[in-house]
Structures are given as C-alpha cells and as structure tokens.
Amino acid sequence: MNPAGTTPERPPVKGRRELKHAITRLDCHLLRNNLQHFMTLDPHAKKDGQYLIRSVYFDNFDNKILNQKKEGLYHRDKFRVRLYDHDASFINLEKKSKRDNLCYKEKCRITAEEYERIRIGDTAWMEEDDRPLMRELYVHMNLFQLKPVCVVDYIREVYIYEQGNVRVTFDSSVKTSYKDINILNPDLLMVETLDPNMVILEIKYDEYLPDVIKYLLQVKDCRKTSFSKYQYSRMYG
C-alpha cells in the first residue's frame, strides 16, 4: 500500500484504432521515403530510428488467449511483459485489450526480480501489490492458470504524426524462442517466424486517420487485418 494507506486509482484508458498490413521490405523502403518528409522518428529510438522489442506473452494449458485470437473475438485481453534493447532496468507489464473496433493498453513498471518470481510461479506477493495491473494479472494467473509461455523479438521503426496522435510502425525480423521464457537472457536462442522479406506495417491513431497519412501509406482499405506476431510465434515456441 502507499504511505496514505490507500490503493492508487486506476487511470482511465483511451481506446485507439489499429490497422495491420503485411508488406515487403521493398514496400517498406518506399513508404519510409514518403513518411520521413511528414512524420518524425520516435525520439526514444536509436540513431537509426530502430529498437529491439522483446515480449513474453501469457497463456494457459488450453491456449485460451491464442484461441480467442484465432476466433477473432471482439472482446479479449492479453498480458505480456516487455523490455527494449535488452535493457533489464526498464521493464513493463502490459495488458492489451480488444473491445469491438478499439484497442486499449495499460501498463506498469516492474523489476527484473519481479519478473523472475512470476516466471518460476512465485505469485502470492502479487495479490496485495500497490499496482492494480499486477493484482489483475494475479487474478488471471489463479483463475485461468495464465503463465509466461512465449517470447517474441522484433525490430521496430516508429514514425509519429501529432494530428490524430498517429504512430506508424514497421516491425521486422520477427523471432521467437523455443519454449524458453527467460527474457532477461540477451543470448536467448531465437528462431525466425516469418519470411525475412516480410515487414508488418501497423497504423495506430485516435479518432481519425489524417488524409495526408492515408495518401502517404496508400491505405485504401482501412479495415484491420488479423495478423498477430504472437499467433505466428506460437507455431514455433
């Protein structure tokens, strides 16, 4: 509990729209040349505008989360733990939710030691944790037997456009571990899950996608595809 003896309130989460398209590396190169004149690179990225994302996803012995994705349910949640460029000093627990056509994401910081305890099944301490999201994960781990099951790596390049709060990302070199969920190991053995020539284009925005971005991306069909890096990775991990 915090010093005042009260549990912190859970801040409201704003829903966003997401579009996903599988494109070739050549398409990515052409789109990048268009976007860089109108959008800015993510300031948190390295000099080349890219960074490595590593996530471990939670599921259970019945593959509840995986099956919900395959069935295309419009009301589903998934938990993951994520770090960037193998930096174990900055790790987030995230919950990503789908509600109809909107996506919601909540997150909170956790430590490497806390993830290790979760990984080995030491979870009793989570029940009365100050962080609401940690307590919610505890409930799901006990109610649905969720546990870390699959590590996914990929290289992300991000472009930002302030109007509409638009983020355009290119995800490449998608890899997964083979049942090893030690995300803190930078030398974790990973295998390719997608054609190396494939790049995943993701477009995320709030209420509207500005016409200039639609034009630059040549997005004629604004319906979201069902591509999932987690789903593809589970075929290997």
Protein backbone atom coordinates (compact mmCIF):
# COMPACT_ATOMS: atom_id res chain seq x y z
CA MET A 1 0.00 0.00 0.00
CA ASN A 2 1.10 3.60 -0.44
CA PRO A 3 2.01 5.88 2.52
CA ALA A 4 -1.57 7.18 2.81
CA GLY A 5 -2.81 3.62 3.22
CA THR A 6 -4.96 3.75 0.10
CA THR A 7 -4.76 1.89 -3.20
CA PRO A 8 -3.85 4.10 -6.19
CA GLU A 9 -6.76 4.71 -8.55
CA ARG A 10 -6.58 3.14 -11.97
CA PRO A 11 -6.36 5.90 -14.59
CA PRO A 12 -8.85 5.79 -17.47
CA VAL A 13 -7.58 4.24 -20.69
CA LYS A 14 -8.36 5.75 -24.07
CA GLY A 15 -9.21 3.40 -26.92
CA ARG A 16 -7.26 3.60 -30.17
CA ARG A 17 -7.72 2.15 -33.63
CA GLU A 18 -5.15 -0.14 -35.17
CA LEU A 19 -4.61 -1.29 -38.74
CA LYS A 20 -2.13 -4.03 -39.67
CA HIS A 21 -0.78 -4.98 -43.07
CA ALA A 22 1.93 -7.43 -44.15
CA ILE A 23 4.21 -5.75 -46.71
CA THR A 24 7.55 -6.49 -48.37
CA ARG A 25 10.83 -4.85 -47.44
CA LEU A 26 10.74 -3.01 -50.77
CA ASP A 27 7.31 -1.60 -49.90
CA CYS A 28 8.69 -0.62 -46.50
CA HIS A 29 11.58 1.25 -48.13
CA LEU A 30 9.20 3.16 -50.42
CA LEU A 31 6.80 4.04 -47.61
CA ARG A 32 9.63 5.13 -45.34
CA ASN A 33 10.84 7.57 -48.00
CA ASN A 34 7.35 9.08 -48.12
CA LEU A 35 6.79 9.27 -44.37
CA GLN A 36 10.10 10.83 -43.36
CA HIS A 37 9.13 14.12 -45.04
CA PHE A 38 5.93 14.49 -42.99
CA MET A 39 6.42 12.47 -39.81
CA THR A 40 9.09 12.42 -37.11
CA LEU A 41 11.03 9.44 -35.82
CA ASP A 42 10.35 8.19 -32.32
CA PRO A 43 12.69 10.23 -30.08
CA HIS A 44 13.27 7.17 -27.88
CA ALA A 45 14.76 5.17 -30.76
CA LYS A 46 18.45 4.82 -31.52
CA LYS A 47 20.19 6.92 -34.16
CA ASP A 48 19.00 4.61 -36.93
CA GLY A 49 15.41 5.10 -35.74
CA GLN A 50 15.04 1.48 -34.65
CA TYR A 51 15.00 -0.52 -31.45
CA LEU A 52 14.54 -4.11 -30.40
CA ILE A 53 11.34 -5.10 -28.64
CA ARG A 54 11.23 -8.30 -26.61
CA SER A 55 7.96 -9.51 -25.11
CA VAL A 56 6.88 -12.60 -23.24
CA TYR A 57 3.17 -13.45 -23.60
CA PHE A 58 0.94 -15.18 -21.07
CA ASP A 59 -1.41 -18.05 -21.88
CA ASN A 60 -2.63 -21.27 -20.26
CA PHE A 61 -2.55 -25.00 -20.97
CA ASP A 62 -5.74 -24.68 -23.04
CA ASN A 63 -4.24 -21.84 -25.13
CA LYS A 64 -7.11 -19.57 -24.10
CA ILE A 65 -5.52 -16.36 -25.40
CA LEU A 66 -4.28 -17.93 -28.62
CA ASN A 67 -7.70 -19.44 -29.40
CA GLN A 68 -9.50 -16.17 -28.71
CA LYS A 69 -7.23 -14.51 -31.26
CA LYS A 70 -7.77 -17.25 -33.82
CA GLU A 71 -11.54 -16.99 -33.37
CA GLY A 72 -11.40 -13.22 -33.86
CA LEU A 73 -13.31 -12.40 -30.68
CA TYR A 74 -14.13 -8.71 -30.32
CA HIS A 75 -13.77 -8.82 -26.54
CA ARG A 76 -10.45 -10.21 -25.38
CA ASP A 77 -7.42 -9.41 -23.22
CA LYS A 78 -3.79 -10.45 -23.27
CA PHE A 79 -0.95 -9.87 -20.83
CA ARG A 80 2.70 -9.52 -21.69
CA VAL A 81 5.97 -8.35 -20.12
CA ARG A 82 8.10 -6.17 -22.37
CA LEU A 83 11.59 -4.67 -22.48
CA TYR A 84 13.60 -2.76 -25.06
CA ASP A 85 17.11 -3.34 -26.42
CA HIS A 86 17.73 -5.95 -23.67
CA ASP A 87 17.61 -3.20 -21.02
CA ALA A 88 16.55 -5.07 -17.87
CA SER A 89 16.37 -1.82 -15.90
CA PHE A 90 13.20 -0.76 -17.75
CA ILE A 91 10.54 -3.48 -17.96
CA ASN A 92 6.78 -3.07 -18.32
CA LEU A 93 3.87 -5.34 -17.55
CA GLU A 94 1.22 -4.62 -20.17
CA LYS A 95 -2.40 -5.57 -20.70
CA LYS A 96 -3.74 -5.12 -24.22
CA SER A 97 -7.50 -5.33 -24.67
CA LYS A 98 -9.79 -5.50 -27.67
CA ARG A 99 -13.29 -4.09 -27.36
CA ASP A 100 -15.19 -4.09 -30.65
CA ASN A 101 -13.09 -1.97 -33.05
CA LEU A 102 -10.95 -0.27 -30.40
CA CYS A 103 -7.73 -1.35 -28.69
CA TYR A 104 -6.80 -0.39 -25.13
CA LYS A 105 -3.45 -0.70 -23.42
CA GLU A 106 -2.50 -0.43 -19.76
CA LYS A 107 0.98 -0.82 -18.37
CA CYS A 108 3.06 -0.50 -15.22
CA ARG A 109 6.75 -0.77 -14.43
CA ILE A 110 8.09 -3.98 -12.91
CA THR A 111 11.58 -5.08 -11.95
CA ALA A 112 13.66 -7.90 -13.35
CA GLU A 113 13.47 -9.62 -9.96
CA GLU A 114 9.66 -9.44 -10.02
CA TYR A 115 9.50 -11.00 -13.46
CA GLU A 116 11.78 -13.81 -12.30
CA ARG A 117 9.42 -14.53 -9.41
CA ILE A 118 6.46 -14.59 -11.80
CA ARG A 119 8.38 -16.84 -14.20
CA ILE A 120 9.00 -19.50 -11.55
CA GLY A 121 5.43 -19.33 -10.23
CA ASP A 122 6.09 -17.33 -7.05
CA THR A 123 2.97 -15.13 -7.23
CA ALA A 124 1.46 -14.82 -3.72
CA TRP A 125 3.02 -11.37 -3.24
CA MET A 126 1.08 -10.03 -6.25
CA GLU A 127 -2.32 -10.32 -4.53
CA GLU A 128 -1.84 -7.18 -2.40
CA ASP A 129 0.55 -5.28 -4.66
CA ASP A 130 0.09 -1.49 -4.99
CA ARG A 131 -0.20 -1.73 -8.77
CA PRO A 132 -3.76 -2.53 -9.95
CA LEU A 133 -2.48 -4.19 -13.12
CA MET A 134 -0.24 -6.52 -11.12
CA ARG A 135 -3.18 -7.53 -8.95
CA GLU A 136 -5.30 -8.15 -12.05
CA LEU A 137 -2.62 -10.38 -13.55
CA TYR A 138 -2.54 -12.30 -10.25
CA VAL A 139 -6.29 -12.94 -10.56
CA HIS A 140 -5.93 -14.16 -14.13
CA MET A 141 -2.99 -16.37 -13.23
CA ASN A 142 -5.03 -18.01 -10.50
CA LEU A 143 -8.43 -18.05 -12.19
CA PHE A 144 -7.29 -19.10 -15.68
CA GLN A 145 -3.80 -20.51 -14.85
CA LEU A 146 -2.07 -17.97 -17.10
CA LYS A 147 1.72 -18.14 -17.17
CA PRO A 148 4.54 -16.88 -19.43
CA VAL A 149 4.66 -19.16 -22.48
CA CYS A 150 6.27 -17.46 -25.48
CA VAL A 151 8.99 -14.87 -26.12
CA VAL A 152 8.77 -12.73 -29.25
CA ASP A 153 11.51 -10.42 -30.58
CA TYR A 154 11.34 -7.94 -33.42
CA ILE A 155 12.95 -4.74 -34.66
CA ARG A 156 10.62 -1.72 -34.66
CA GLU A 157 10.88 1.57 -36.52
CA VAL A 158 8.36 4.25 -35.47
CA TYR A 159 7.10 7.42 -37.16
CA ILE A 160 4.89 9.94 -35.33
CA TYR A 161 2.32 12.45 -36.58
CA GLU A 162 0.78 14.67 -33.90
CA GLN A 163 -2.59 15.32 -35.57
CA GLY A 164 -4.76 12.35 -34.70
CA ASN A 165 -1.98 11.04 -32.45
CA VAL A 166 -0.77 8.78 -35.26
CA ARG A 167 2.01 6.19 -34.89
CA VAL A 168 3.18 4.26 -37.93
CA THR A 169 5.45 1.34 -37.14
CA PHE A 170 7.44 -1.10 -39.26
CA ASP A 171 8.19 -4.39 -37.48
CA SER A 172 10.75 -6.73 -39.00
CA SER A 173 12.96 -9.71 -38.09
CA VAL A 174 10.22 -11.33 -36.01
CA LYS A 175 11.66 -14.20 -33.96
CA THR A 176 10.59 -16.42 -31.10
CA SER A 177 12.24 -18.60 -28.50
CA TYR A 178 11.62 -22.32 -28.34
CA LYS A 179 9.77 -22.64 -25.01
CA ASP A 180 12.50 -20.71 -23.14
CA ILE A 181 10.84 -17.73 -21.39
CA ASN A 182 13.95 -16.15 -19.85
CA ILE A 183 13.55 -12.72 -21.46
CA LEU A 184 16.43 -11.37 -19.37
CA ASN A 185 18.94 -13.52 -21.24
CA PRO A 186 20.31 -11.46 -24.18
CA ASP A 187 21.69 -14.66 -25.71
CA LEU A 188 18.33 -16.46 -25.72
CA LEU A 189 18.15 -18.81 -28.70
CA MET A 190 15.64 -17.36 -31.19
CA VAL A 191 14.27 -18.64 -34.50
CA GLU A 192 12.69 -16.76 -37.41
CA THR A 193 8.90 -16.99 -37.51
CA LEU A 194 8.17 -15.05 -40.70
CA ASP A 195 9.60 -14.70 -44.17
CA PRO A 196 12.67 -12.43 -43.68
CA ASN A 197 11.40 -10.34 -46.59
CA MET A 198 8.17 -9.55 -44.74
CA VAL A 199 7.55 -6.40 -42.69
CA ILE A 200 4.49 -5.76 -40.53
CA LEU A 201 3.06 -2.28 -41.03
CA GLU A 202 0.96 -1.05 -38.09
CA ILE A 203 -1.01 2.20 -38.07
CA LYS A 204 -2.34 3.41 -34.72
CA TYR A 205 -4.46 6.52 -34.21
CA ASP A 206 -7.21 8.03 -32.07
CA GLU A 207 -10.47 9.32 -33.58
CA TYR A 208 -9.34 9.76 -37.16
CA LEU A 209 -6.53 9.00 -39.60
CA PRO A 210 -5.49 12.23 -41.37
CA ASP A 211 -5.91 12.18 -45.16
CA VAL A 212 -2.25 13.01 -45.69
CA ILE A 213 -1.23 9.82 -43.86
CA LYS A 214 -3.74 7.75 -45.81
CA TYR A 215 -2.30 9.13 -49.01
CA LEU A 216 1.32 8.57 -47.99
CA LEU A 217 0.61 4.99 -46.95
CA GLN A 218 -1.72 4.34 -49.87
CA VAL A 219 -4.15 2.77 -47.40
CA LYS A 220 -7.29 2.39 -49.47
CA ASP A 221 -8.89 -0.21 -47.21
CA CYS A 222 -8.87 0.97 -43.60
CA ARG A 223 -10.13 -2.32 -42.18
CA LYS A 224 -7.78 -4.02 -39.78
CA THR A 225 -6.25 -7.37 -40.65
CA SER A 226 -5.97 -10.16 -38.08
CA PHE A 227 -2.18 -10.56 -38.20
CA SER A 228 -0.68 -11.44 -34.83
CA LYS A 229 3.04 -11.80 -34.11
CA TYR A 230 2.14 -13.83 -31.02
CA GLN A 231 -0.08 -16.19 -33.01
CA TYR A 232 2.60 -16.81 -35.64
CA SER A 233 5.27 -17.28 -32.99
CA ARG A 234 3.26 -19.93 -31.14
CA MET A 235 3.71 -22.22 -34.14
CA TYR A 236 7.37 -22.44 -33.12
CA GLY A 237 7.50 -21.57 -29.43
